Amino acid sequence: MTDTTDMTDTTDTTMRRRIVVGTDGSSGAEAAIRWAADEAITRHADLEVVVAWDFVAKWAVGYNPEWPEDAEHLASDAVTLGERSVATALEGRTRPDRLTVHAIQGPAALVLTTHARGADLLVVGSRGRGGFATLLLGSVGNACVHHATCPTVVIPPVMPVG
């Protein structure tokens, strides 16, 4: 299931450049969105912000993959998460001419590498919301680096000044 929100609207042309960036709402993902947005502006590329969602993480709170309304609710929540991530990451900054948010059901690494097929670039944060805070590179970033069919950039965490 894919739900898409087009946050800007310009004339579509053939053979557009595409930059795909993944977000899970973490500060690392927001840093990736900022970097990807700057790169999209420089390259005159479309920026596609992707949020992967799945039932597996939601079973404990009662979501059921057999109920279409649950899928619609989770997809809607994922789009909202993506839109909030974009708003926070790009507050006060120039946005690319064309920016879309996609919510796609499935495991994050698979969703990102599949959606990035044919893209000019895939951008991810080095760490997301996973449980192993001591890892320098999270499992999604690691999988994207090894399995994406396009160049992949991993953005390091933003270090506090001082």
Protein backbone atom coordinates (compact mmCIF):
# COMPACT_ATOMS: atom_id res chain seq x y z
CA MET A 1 0.00 0.00 0.00
CA THR A 2 1.34 3.41 -0.93
CA ASP A 3 -0.02 6.76 0.18
CA THR A 4 1.55 9.88 -1.25
CA THR A 5 1.31 13.52 -0.35
CA ASP A 6 2.63 16.00 -2.90
CA MET A 7 3.88 18.92 -0.81
CA THR A 8 4.73 21.05 -3.84
CA ASP A 9 3.42 21.03 -7.36
CA THR A 10 5.38 21.86 -10.48
CA THR A 11 5.15 20.73 -14.06
CA ASP A 12 6.23 17.13 -14.48
CA THR A 13 8.84 16.39 -17.13
CA THR A 14 10.34 13.17 -18.40
CA MET A 15 13.70 11.97 -17.13
CA ARG A 16 13.60 13.98 -13.92
CA ARG A 17 16.37 13.50 -11.42
CA ARG A 18 15.25 11.82 -8.18
CA ILE A 19 16.68 11.81 -4.69
CA VAL A 20 15.05 9.46 -2.19
CA VAL A 21 15.44 10.01 1.57
CA GLY A 22 14.11 7.80 4.34
CA THR A 23 12.65 9.09 7.58
CA ASP A 24 11.42 7.55 10.80
CA GLY A 25 10.94 10.88 12.54
CA SER A 26 14.28 10.70 14.38
CA SER A 27 16.76 13.57 14.57
CA GLY A 28 19.14 11.56 12.39
CA ALA A 29 16.46 11.25 9.72
CA GLU A 30 15.78 14.98 9.91
CA ALA A 31 19.49 15.63 9.29
CA ALA A 32 19.24 13.32 6.27
CA ILE A 33 16.21 15.27 4.99
CA ARG A 34 18.11 18.58 5.30
CA TRP A 35 21.11 17.19 3.43
CA ALA A 36 18.94 15.58 0.76
CA ALA A 37 16.92 18.79 0.28
CA ASP A 38 20.09 20.83 -0.23
CA GLU A 39 21.35 18.23 -2.70
CA ALA A 40 18.00 18.19 -4.56
CA ILE A 41 18.17 21.96 -4.94
CA THR A 42 21.76 21.78 -6.20
CA ARG A 43 20.94 19.00 -8.69
CA HIS A 44 17.50 20.37 -9.66
CA ALA A 45 16.10 17.00 -8.58
CA ASP A 46 12.80 15.82 -7.15
CA LEU A 47 12.99 14.95 -3.46
CA GLU A 48 10.99 11.91 -2.37
CA VAL A 49 10.68 11.46 1.40
CA VAL A 50 9.80 7.86 2.25
CA VAL A 51 8.30 6.52 5.48
CA ALA A 52 8.16 2.73 5.79
CA TRP A 53 5.47 1.31 8.03
CA ASP A 54 4.44 -2.20 8.93
CA PHE A 55 1.97 -4.06 11.13
CA VAL A 56 4.70 -6.05 12.88
CA ALA A 57 5.62 -3.17 15.18
CA LYS A 58 1.94 -2.36 15.80
CA TRP A 59 0.56 -5.82 16.72
CA ALA A 60 1.15 -5.25 20.41
CA VAL A 61 -1.22 -2.28 20.39
CA GLY A 62 -3.97 -4.18 18.60
CA TYR A 63 -3.59 -3.44 14.88
CA ASN A 64 -4.65 -6.25 12.59
CA PRO A 65 -3.47 -6.66 8.97
CA GLU A 66 -6.83 -8.27 8.16
CA TRP A 67 -8.67 -4.99 8.79
CA PRO A 68 -8.38 -2.50 5.89
CA GLU A 69 -9.21 0.42 8.19
CA ASP A 70 -6.11 -0.40 10.26
CA ALA A 71 -3.93 -0.28 7.14
CA GLU A 72 -5.47 3.03 6.12
CA HIS A 73 -4.90 4.43 9.62
CA LEU A 74 -1.25 3.32 9.73
CA ALA A 75 -0.57 4.68 6.22
CA SER A 76 -2.16 7.99 7.19
CA ASP A 77 -0.07 8.15 10.37
CA ALA A 78 3.07 7.43 8.33
CA VAL A 79 2.30 10.28 5.89
CA THR A 80 1.73 12.61 8.85
CA LEU A 81 5.06 11.52 10.35
CA GLY A 82 6.79 12.22 7.04
CA GLU A 83 5.16 15.63 6.69
CA ARG A 84 6.13 16.57 10.26
CA SER A 85 9.70 15.40 9.68
CA VAL A 86 9.93 17.55 6.56
CA ALA A 87 8.42 20.57 8.34
CA THR A 88 10.84 20.26 11.26
CA ALA A 89 13.91 19.52 9.14
CA LEU A 90 13.30 22.30 6.62
CA GLU A 91 11.88 25.00 8.88
CA GLY A 92 13.25 28.33 7.67
CA ARG A 93 15.13 26.68 4.80
CA THR A 94 14.63 26.69 1.05
CA ARG A 95 12.70 23.65 -0.18
CA PRO A 96 13.28 21.78 -3.42
CA ASP A 97 10.90 22.69 -6.25
CA ARG A 98 9.24 19.27 -6.07
CA LEU A 99 8.96 17.39 -2.79
CA THR A 100 6.68 14.41 -2.13
CA VAL A 101 6.08 12.23 0.93
CA HIS A 102 5.43 8.52 0.42
CA ALA A 103 4.19 6.07 3.04
CA ILE A 104 4.92 2.50 1.97
CA GLN A 105 4.12 -0.69 3.84
CA GLY A 106 7.04 -3.01 4.52
CA PRO A 107 10.39 -3.33 6.26
CA ALA A 108 12.33 -0.05 6.07
CA ALA A 109 15.44 -1.27 4.25
CA LEU A 110 13.44 -3.17 1.63
CA VAL A 111 11.02 -0.26 1.13
CA LEU A 112 13.87 2.24 0.70
CA THR A 113 16.02 0.16 -1.63
CA THR A 114 13.02 -0.78 -3.77
CA HIS A 115 11.68 2.77 -3.96
CA ALA A 116 15.16 4.09 -4.81
CA ARG A 117 15.51 1.90 -7.91
CA GLY A 118 16.26 4.25 -10.77
CA ALA A 119 16.93 7.17 -8.39
CA ASP A 120 20.06 9.27 -8.63
CA LEU A 121 20.68 9.00 -4.90
CA LEU A 122 19.37 7.36 -1.71
CA VAL A 123 19.95 9.24 1.56
CA VAL A 124 19.52 7.82 5.07
CA GLY A 125 20.52 8.83 8.57
CA SER A 126 23.22 6.75 10.24
CA ARG A 127 20.98 5.92 13.20
CA GLY A 128 17.24 5.83 13.60
CA ARG A 129 14.93 4.67 16.33
CA GLY A 130 16.43 1.20 16.67
CA GLY A 131 17.35 -0.20 20.06
CA PHE A 132 21.16 -0.38 19.80
CA ALA A 133 22.30 3.19 20.48
CA THR A 134 26.00 2.25 20.47
CA LEU A 135 26.01 1.23 16.81
CA LEU A 136 27.64 3.73 14.48
CA LEU A 137 25.53 2.56 11.55
CA GLY A 138 22.01 1.25 12.08
CA SER A 139 20.65 -1.85 10.41
CA VAL A 140 18.58 0.10 7.85
CA GLY A 141 21.54 2.26 6.81
CA ASN A 142 23.75 -0.81 6.60
CA ALA A 143 21.25 -2.68 4.43
CA CYS A 144 20.77 0.32 2.15
CA VAL A 145 24.51 0.74 1.62
CA HIS A 146 24.83 -2.92 0.70
CA HIS A 147 21.66 -3.45 -1.36
CA ALA A 148 20.62 -0.18 -3.03
CA THR A 149 21.11 -0.05 -6.79
CA CYS A 150 21.96 3.66 -6.71
CA PRO A 151 24.61 5.65 -4.84
CA THR A 152 23.76 5.84 -1.13
CA VAL A 153 24.72 8.57 1.32
CA VAL A 154 24.60 7.96 5.08
CA ILE A 155 24.35 11.18 7.07
CA PRO A 156 26.12 11.11 10.47
CA PRO A 157 24.31 12.36 13.55
CA VAL A 158 24.31 16.06 14.30
CA MET A 159 26.68 16.67 17.17
CA PRO A 160 25.76 19.35 19.71
CA VAL A 161 28.02 22.40 19.72
CA GLY A 162 29.92 23.12 22.92
